[in-house]
N, C-alpha and C. Protein backbone atom coordinates (compact mmCIF):
# COMPACT_ATOMS: atom_id res chain seq x y z
N MET A 1 9.24 3.62 8.29
CA MET A 1 8.65 2.53 9.59
C MET A 1 7.32 2.45 9.37
N ALA A 2 6.52 1.13 8.85
CA ALA A 2 5.39 1.16 8.96
C ALA A 2 5.28 -0.77 9.78
N LEU A 3 3.99 -0.54 10.15
CA LEU A 3 3.23 -1.47 10.91
C LEU A 3 2.87 -2.37 10.29
N ILE A 4 3.30 -3.77 10.87
CA ILE A 4 2.63 -4.73 10.29
C ILE A 4 1.60 -5.55 11.92
N ARG A 5 1.07 -6.30 10.80
CA ARG A 5 0.51 -7.43 11.81
C ARG A 5 1.52 -8.44 12.15
N CYS A 6 1.92 -9.20 13.48
CA CYS A 6 2.65 -10.43 13.51
C CYS A 6 1.99 -11.63 12.83
N PRO A 7 2.28 -12.72 11.73
CA PRO A 7 1.21 -13.88 11.47
C PRO A 7 1.12 -14.60 13.01
N GLU A 8 1.49 -14.32 13.70
CA GLU A 8 1.61 -15.97 15.21
C GLU A 8 0.29 -14.76 16.22
N CYS A 9 0.83 -13.68 16.35
CA CYS A 9 -0.40 -13.13 17.48
C CYS A 9 -1.13 -11.85 17.50
N GLY A 10 -1.51 -11.49 16.08
CA GLY A 10 -1.55 -10.65 15.17
C GLY A 10 -1.41 -9.34 15.69
N GLN A 11 -0.33 -8.88 17.10
CA GLN A 11 0.13 -7.48 17.38
C GLN A 11 0.61 -6.74 16.18
N LYS A 12 0.86 -5.05 16.42
CA LYS A 12 1.65 -4.38 15.65
C LYS A 12 2.63 -4.36 15.85
N VAL A 13 3.24 -4.79 14.47
CA VAL A 13 5.06 -5.12 14.91
C VAL A 13 5.27 -4.21 13.14
N SER A 14 7.27 -3.40 14.02
CA SER A 14 7.68 -2.35 13.05
C SER A 14 7.72 -3.42 11.95
N ASP A 15 7.68 -2.86 10.84
CA ASP A 15 8.41 -3.59 9.62
C ASP A 15 10.22 -3.98 9.86
N LYS A 16 10.59 -3.40 10.58
CA LYS A 16 12.05 -2.91 10.29
C LYS A 16 12.53 -4.41 11.94
N ALA A 17 11.64 -4.71 12.81
CA ALA A 17 11.58 -5.72 13.79
C ALA A 17 12.35 -7.20 12.65
N MET A 18 12.58 -7.80 13.40
CA MET A 18 13.50 -9.12 13.49
C MET A 18 12.47 -10.56 14.20
N HIS A 19 12.32 -10.13 15.42
CA HIS A 19 11.06 -11.09 15.83
C HIS A 19 10.10 -9.98 16.73
N CYS A 20 9.10 -10.53 17.31
CA CYS A 20 7.59 -9.88 17.31
C CYS A 20 8.13 -9.43 18.97
N PRO A 21 7.53 -8.69 19.66
CA PRO A 21 8.13 -8.07 21.17
C PRO A 21 7.18 -8.88 21.60
N ASN A 22 5.82 -9.23 21.01
CA ASN A 22 4.57 -9.72 21.95
C ASN A 22 5.46 -11.70 22.50
N CYS A 23 5.01 -11.67 20.79
CA CYS A 23 5.52 -13.49 20.88
C CYS A 23 6.55 -14.33 20.50
N GLY A 24 7.74 -13.49 20.38
CA GLY A 24 8.77 -13.78 19.90
C GLY A 24 8.81 -14.71 18.24
N CYS A 25 7.66 -14.38 17.50
CA CYS A 25 8.04 -15.39 15.80
C CYS A 25 9.01 -14.14 15.37
N PRO A 26 9.90 -15.03 14.37
CA PRO A 26 10.09 -14.90 13.33
C PRO A 26 9.54 -13.66 13.06
N VAL A 27 9.68 -11.94 12.39
CA VAL A 27 8.30 -11.43 11.21
C VAL A 27 9.42 -11.18 10.45
N LEU A 28 10.25 -10.31 10.83
CA LEU A 28 11.37 -10.25 8.62
C LEU A 28 11.89 -11.19 8.01
N LYS A 29 11.96 -12.39 9.09
CA LYS A 29 12.01 -13.60 7.65
C LYS A 29 11.06 -14.20 7.19
N LYS A 30 9.34 -14.34 7.69
CA LYS A 30 8.75 -14.74 6.95
C LYS A 30 8.48 -14.02 5.81
N HIS A 31 8.52 -13.04 5.85
CA HIS A 31 8.50 -11.40 4.71
C HIS A 31 9.38 -10.78 3.69
N LYS A 32 10.96 -11.69 4.08
CA LYS A 32 11.73 -10.63 3.45
C LYS A 32 11.80 -10.95 1.94
N GLY A 33 11.89 -10.14 1.13
CA GLY A 33 11.59 -9.73 -0.40
C GLY A 33 10.54 -9.56 -1.15
N GLY A 34 9.29 -9.81 -0.45
CA GLY A 34 7.81 -9.71 -0.65
C GLY A 34 7.20 -8.74 -0.23
N GLU A 35 7.63 -7.62 0.13
CA GLU A 35 7.25 -6.36 0.37
C GLU A 35 7.53 -5.32 -0.62
N VAL A 36 6.31 -4.34 -0.53
CA VAL A 36 5.95 -3.46 -1.62
C VAL A 36 5.12 -2.68 -1.03
N ARG A 37 5.90 -1.06 -1.28
CA ARG A 37 5.35 0.22 -0.15
C ARG A 37 4.72 0.72 -1.42
N ILE A 38 3.71 1.11 -1.20
CA ILE A 38 2.81 2.22 -1.95
C ILE A 38 2.25 3.45 -1.46
N ARG A 39 2.75 4.91 -1.65
CA ARG A 39 2.70 5.79 -1.02
C ARG A 39 1.23 6.33 -1.70
N MET A 40 0.16 6.23 -0.46
CA MET A 40 -1.32 6.44 -0.61
C MET A 40 -1.15 8.36 -0.54
N THR A 41 -1.19 8.86 -2.22
CA THR A 41 -1.03 10.55 -2.26
C THR A 41 -2.45 10.69 -1.67
N PRO A 42 -2.84 12.26 -0.69
CA PRO A 42 -3.97 12.66 -0.58
C PRO A 42 -4.53 12.83 -1.29
N ILE A 43 -5.64 13.09 -1.65
CA ILE A 43 -6.27 13.54 -2.62
C ILE A 43 -7.49 14.55 -2.20
N ARG A 44 -8.16 14.37 -0.71
CA ARG A 44 -8.90 14.24 0.34
C ARG A 44 -8.20 14.51 0.97
N SER A 45 -9.31 15.06 2.02
CA SER A 45 -8.52 14.92 3.61
C SER A 45 -8.92 13.34 4.14
N ARG A 46 -8.18 12.47 4.05
CA ARG A 46 -8.16 11.22 4.34
C ARG A 46 -8.75 10.37 4.55
N GLN A 47 -9.12 10.50 3.16
CA GLN A 47 -10.41 9.69 2.27
C GLN A 47 -9.75 8.28 2.57
N LYS A 48 -10.97 7.58 2.03
CA LYS A 48 -10.42 5.61 2.59
C LYS A 48 -9.87 5.10 1.21
N VAL A 49 -8.95 4.49 1.32
CA VAL A 49 -8.30 3.62 -0.18
C VAL A 49 -8.27 2.41 0.65
N THR A 50 -8.87 1.73 -0.83
CA THR A 50 -8.30 0.41 -0.69
C THR A 50 -7.53 -0.40 -1.85
N VAL A 51 -6.38 -1.30 -1.55
CA VAL A 51 -5.64 -1.80 -2.69
C VAL A 51 -6.25 -3.35 -2.80
N SER A 52 -6.81 -4.05 -4.29
CA SER A 52 -7.65 -5.28 -3.84
C SER A 52 -7.35 -6.16 -5.15
N THR A 53 -7.21 -7.14 -5.09
CA THR A 53 -7.21 -8.12 -6.30
C THR A 53 -8.55 -8.61 -6.91
N PRO A 54 -8.96 -9.08 -7.63
CA PRO A 54 -10.61 -9.48 -8.45
C PRO A 54 -10.92 -10.53 -7.08
N TRP A 55 -10.23 -10.84 -6.06
CA TRP A 55 -10.75 -11.73 -5.57
C TRP A 55 -10.27 -11.74 -4.09
N ARG A 56 -9.76 -10.29 -3.73
CA ARG A 56 -9.50 -10.25 -1.88
C ARG A 56 -8.74 -9.44 -1.69
N THR A 57 -9.17 -8.04 -0.62
CA THR A 57 -8.78 -7.21 -0.17
C THR A 57 -7.18 -7.12 -0.15
N LEU A 58 -6.06 -6.65 -0.78
CA LEU A 58 -4.61 -6.80 0.36
C LEU A 58 -4.35 -5.74 1.29
N TRP A 59 -4.87 -4.34 1.60
CA TRP A 59 -4.92 -3.05 1.95
C TRP A 59 -6.14 -2.74 2.35
N LYS A 60 -6.43 -1.71 3.20
CA LYS A 60 -7.03 -0.77 4.15
C LYS A 60 -6.17 0.10 4.48
N GLY A 61 -7.05 1.39 3.89
CA GLY A 61 -6.11 2.50 4.78
C GLY A 61 -6.59 3.83 4.33
N ARG A 62 -6.32 4.99 4.80
CA ARG A 62 -5.91 6.46 4.20
C ARG A 62 -5.32 7.22 3.09
N ALA A 63 -5.91 8.00 2.90
CA ALA A 63 -4.75 8.83 1.86
C ALA A 63 -3.99 9.63 2.96
N GLY A 64 -2.88 9.51 2.11
CA GLY A 64 -1.51 9.77 3.29
C GLY A 64 -1.12 8.65 4.20
N ASP A 65 -1.35 7.53 3.79
CA ASP A 65 -1.10 6.41 4.38
C ASP A 65 0.21 5.56 3.16
N ILE A 66 1.26 5.11 4.19
CA ILE A 66 1.42 4.21 3.22
C ILE A 66 1.21 2.70 3.36
N ALA A 67 0.61 1.70 2.21
CA ALA A 67 0.96 0.62 2.56
C ALA A 67 1.87 -0.21 2.38
N VAL A 68 1.54 -1.37 3.21
CA VAL A 68 2.90 -2.22 2.87
C VAL A 68 2.01 -3.42 2.60
N ILE A 69 2.47 -4.03 1.82
CA ILE A 69 1.85 -5.32 1.04
C ILE A 69 3.48 -6.15 0.90
N TYR A 70 2.44 -7.41 1.01
CA TYR A 70 3.84 -8.14 0.79
C TYR A 70 3.59 -9.76 -0.58
N LEU A 71 4.32 -9.06 -0.69
CA LEU A 71 3.84 -10.18 -2.30
C LEU A 71 4.60 -11.28 -2.54
N LYS A 72 4.57 -13.36 -2.98
CA LYS A 72 5.23 -13.95 -3.51
C LYS A 72 5.64 -13.80 -5.60
N LYS A 73 4.97 -13.12 -6.06
CA LYS A 73 4.77 -12.70 -7.73
C LYS A 73 4.02 -11.36 -8.62
N PRO A 74 4.28 -11.31 -8.99
CA PRO A 74 3.60 -10.06 -9.51
C PRO A 74 2.31 -10.22 -9.38
N LYS A 75 1.30 -8.97 -8.84
CA LYS A 75 0.01 -8.96 -9.22
C LYS A 75 -0.62 -7.84 -9.17
N LYS A 76 -1.88 -8.24 -10.17
CA LYS A 76 -2.57 -7.14 -11.25
C LYS A 76 -3.36 -5.93 -10.03
N VAL A 77 -3.71 -5.52 -9.30
CA VAL A 77 -4.48 -4.36 -8.13
C VAL A 77 -5.27 -3.77 -9.12
N LYS A 78 -6.16 -3.33 -7.93
CA LYS A 78 -6.70 -2.31 -8.24
C LYS A 78 -6.97 -1.38 -6.74
N ILE A 79 -6.43 -0.06 -6.96
CA ILE A 79 -6.33 1.13 -6.01
C ILE A 79 -7.47 2.13 -6.10
N LYS A 80 -8.33 1.69 -4.80
CA LYS A 80 -9.35 2.50 -5.04
C LYS A 80 -9.72 3.88 -3.94
N TYR A 81 -9.92 4.94 -4.01
CA TYR A 81 -9.99 6.27 -3.34
C TYR A 81 -11.46 5.76 -3.13
N HIS A 82 -12.19 5.95 -1.74
CA HIS A 82 -13.72 5.62 -1.92
C HIS A 82 -14.59 7.13 -1.64
N THR A 83 -15.41 7.08 -2.47
CA THR A 83 -15.92 8.40 -2.27
C THR A 83 -17.46 8.41 -1.67
N GLY A 84 -17.73 9.40 -0.47
CA GLY A 84 -19.09 9.68 0.41
C GLY A 84 -19.91 10.08 -0.58
N LEU A 85 -21.02 11.13 -0.04
CA LEU A 85 -21.77 11.23 -1.06
C LEU A 85 -21.98 12.15 -1.81
N VAL A 86 -20.58 13.03 -1.19
CA VAL A 86 -20.26 14.61 -2.01
C VAL A 86 -18.90 14.89 -2.75
N ASP A 87 -18.10 13.50 -1.93
CA ASP A 87 -16.96 13.51 -1.75
C ASP A 87 -16.46 13.56 -3.86
N TRP A 88 -14.62 13.21 -3.94
CA TRP A 88 -14.53 12.70 -5.35
C TRP A 88 -13.94 11.63 -5.24
N GLY A 89 -13.66 10.35 -5.58
CA GLY A 89 -13.53 8.90 -5.47
C GLY A 89 -12.68 8.70 -7.11
N ALA A 90 -12.05 8.01 -7.26
CA ALA A 90 -11.27 7.47 -8.40
C ALA A 90 -10.26 6.11 -7.54
N GLU A 91 -10.19 5.67 -8.98
CA GLU A 91 -9.18 4.17 -9.27
C GLU A 91 -8.82 4.00 -10.36
N CYS A 92 -7.84 3.16 -10.35
CA CYS A 92 -6.87 3.05 -11.13
C CYS A 92 -5.95 1.56 -10.71
N GLU A 93 -6.08 0.53 -12.37
CA GLU A 93 -5.53 -0.32 -12.55
C GLU A 93 -3.30 -0.70 -12.55
N GLY A 94 -2.89 -1.67 -11.98
CA GLY A 94 -1.42 -2.24 -11.94
C GLY A 94 -0.69 -3.05 -11.35
N ILE A 95 -0.21 -3.21 -11.97
CA ILE A 95 0.73 -4.87 -11.55
C ILE A 95 1.81 -3.92 -10.91
N LEU A 96 2.25 -4.88 -9.48
CA LEU A 96 2.68 -4.32 -8.67
C LEU A 96 3.86 -6.18 -8.45
N ASP A 97 4.86 -5.77 -8.84
CA ASP A 97 5.59 -7.12 -8.80
C ASP A 97 7.06 -6.85 -7.63
N PRO A 98 6.82 -7.39 -6.62
CA PRO A 98 8.03 -7.12 -5.93
C PRO A 98 9.99 -7.07 -6.26
N SER A 99 9.86 -8.21 -7.06
CA SER A 99 10.86 -9.02 -8.34
C SER A 99 11.57 -7.38 -8.39
N THR A 100 10.97 -6.59 -9.32
CA THR A 100 11.53 -6.10 -10.26
C THR A 100 11.52 -4.05 -9.16
N GLY A 101 10.82 -3.97 -8.46
CA GLY A 101 11.23 -2.79 -7.87
C GLY A 101 9.54 -2.84 -6.59
N ASN A 102 10.27 -2.52 -5.25
CA ASN A 102 9.35 -2.14 -4.18
C ASN A 102 8.28 -0.58 -3.35
N ARG A 103 8.71 -0.12 -4.06
CA ARG A 103 8.04 1.42 -3.88
C ARG A 103 7.37 1.88 -5.55
N TYR A 104 6.22 2.20 -5.17
CA TYR A 104 5.09 3.09 -5.76
C TYR A 104 4.30 3.99 -5.28
N SER A 105 4.08 4.69 -5.64
CA SER A 105 3.54 6.31 -5.29
C SER A 105 2.14 5.89 -6.26
N ILE A 106 1.34 6.52 -5.73
CA ILE A 106 -0.66 7.20 -6.69
C ILE A 106 -0.24 8.30 -6.97
N CYS A 107 -0.15 8.99 -8.02
CA CYS A 107 0.30 10.04 -8.83
C CYS A 107 -1.53 10.17 -9.07
N VAL A 108 -1.57 11.99 -8.61
CA VAL A 108 -2.77 12.24 -9.43
C VAL A 108 -2.53 13.37 -11.04
N VAL A 109 -3.59 12.40 -11.98
CA VAL A 109 -3.08 13.19 -13.66
C VAL A 109 -4.59 14.33 -13.25
N GLU A 110 -4.24 15.20 -13.70
CA GLU A 110 -5.50 16.93 -13.78
C GLU A 110 -5.68 16.81 -15.63
N GLY A 111 -6.90 16.40 -15.04
CA GLY A 111 -7.66 16.56 -17.04
C GLY A 111 -8.17 17.93 -17.11
N VAL A 112 -9.17 18.34 -18.13
CA VAL A 112 -9.37 19.20 -18.68
C VAL A 112 -10.77 19.56 -17.69
N LEU A 113 -11.64 17.86 -17.75
CA LEU A 113 -12.69 18.18 -17.16
C LEU A 113 -12.77 17.49 -15.84
N LYS A 114 -11.54 16.63 -15.65
CA LYS A 114 -12.19 15.92 -14.20
C LYS A 114 -10.52 15.16 -14.00
N ARG A 115 -10.10 14.46 -12.84
CA ARG A 115 -9.18 13.71 -12.00
C ARG A 115 -9.33 12.90 -12.47
N GLY A 116 -7.74 12.28 -11.87
CA GLY A 116 -7.73 11.37 -11.93
C GLY A 116 -6.35 9.99 -11.65
N ILE A 117 -6.08 9.02 -11.32
CA ILE A 117 -5.00 8.63 -10.61
C ILE A 117 -4.24 7.58 -11.60
N CYS A 118 -3.08 7.49 -11.00
CA CYS A 118 -2.34 6.66 -11.76
C CYS A 118 -0.95 5.52 -10.70
N LEU A 119 -0.75 4.40 -10.89
CA LEU A 119 0.62 3.82 -10.21
C LEU A 119 1.30 4.25 -10.58
N GLN A 120 2.58 4.58 -10.09
CA GLN A 120 3.63 4.62 -11.04
C GLN A 120 4.70 3.88 -10.05
N GLN A 121 6.21 3.92 -10.35
CA GLN A 121 7.17 2.66 -9.61
C GLN A 121 8.08 4.04 -9.38
N VAL A 122 8.12 4.33 -8.20
CA VAL A 122 9.47 5.18 -7.79
C VAL A 122 10.49 5.22 -7.16
N ASP A 123 11.95 5.73 -6.84
CA ASP A 123 12.56 5.07 -6.65
C ASP A 123 13.17 5.23 -4.59
N PHE A 124 12.62 6.13 -3.78
CA PHE A 124 12.42 6.13 -2.80
C PHE A 124 10.96 6.84 -2.17
N ILE A 125 10.14 6.77 -1.28
CA ILE A 125 9.27 7.10 -1.12
C ILE A 125 9.68 7.85 0.20
N ASP A 126 8.84 9.04 0.99
CA ASP A 126 9.41 10.41 1.83
C ASP A 126 9.24 9.28 2.82
N SER A 127 9.52 8.41 3.53
CA SER A 127 9.62 7.66 4.66
C SER A 127 11.38 7.12 4.53
N ASP A 128 11.45 6.84 3.61
CA ASP A 128 12.94 6.33 3.13
C ASP A 128 13.83 6.76 3.26
N ARG A 129 14.05 8.38 3.68
CA ARG A 129 15.00 9.37 4.19
C ARG A 129 15.10 9.54 4.71
């Protein structure tokens, strides 16, 4: 279960709820079919992560979270694990398509000299069990 914001009042609501418990707005109906979930694999402890398009940020959170994004059509996104002064950071690009699959995971790719990340479509996320 993930928490989303109600489009009317802005309160946090379960993504499985039919209506907002605060204002009664039908939450599930407005977002049906366009939900995409991405498991942000932890690389460093609670590292900041953003999912964005060239024009706007779609999601902000931390490594270890599950990003819930609502899309009407496929979008090319950039996923960035932010760096601090001494922390390791990485980024990757990919296409999120809610019509072909709505679950993705960030995979860590180990190289000889450095580490990278990639976006991969998966059948289920740990929270689905």
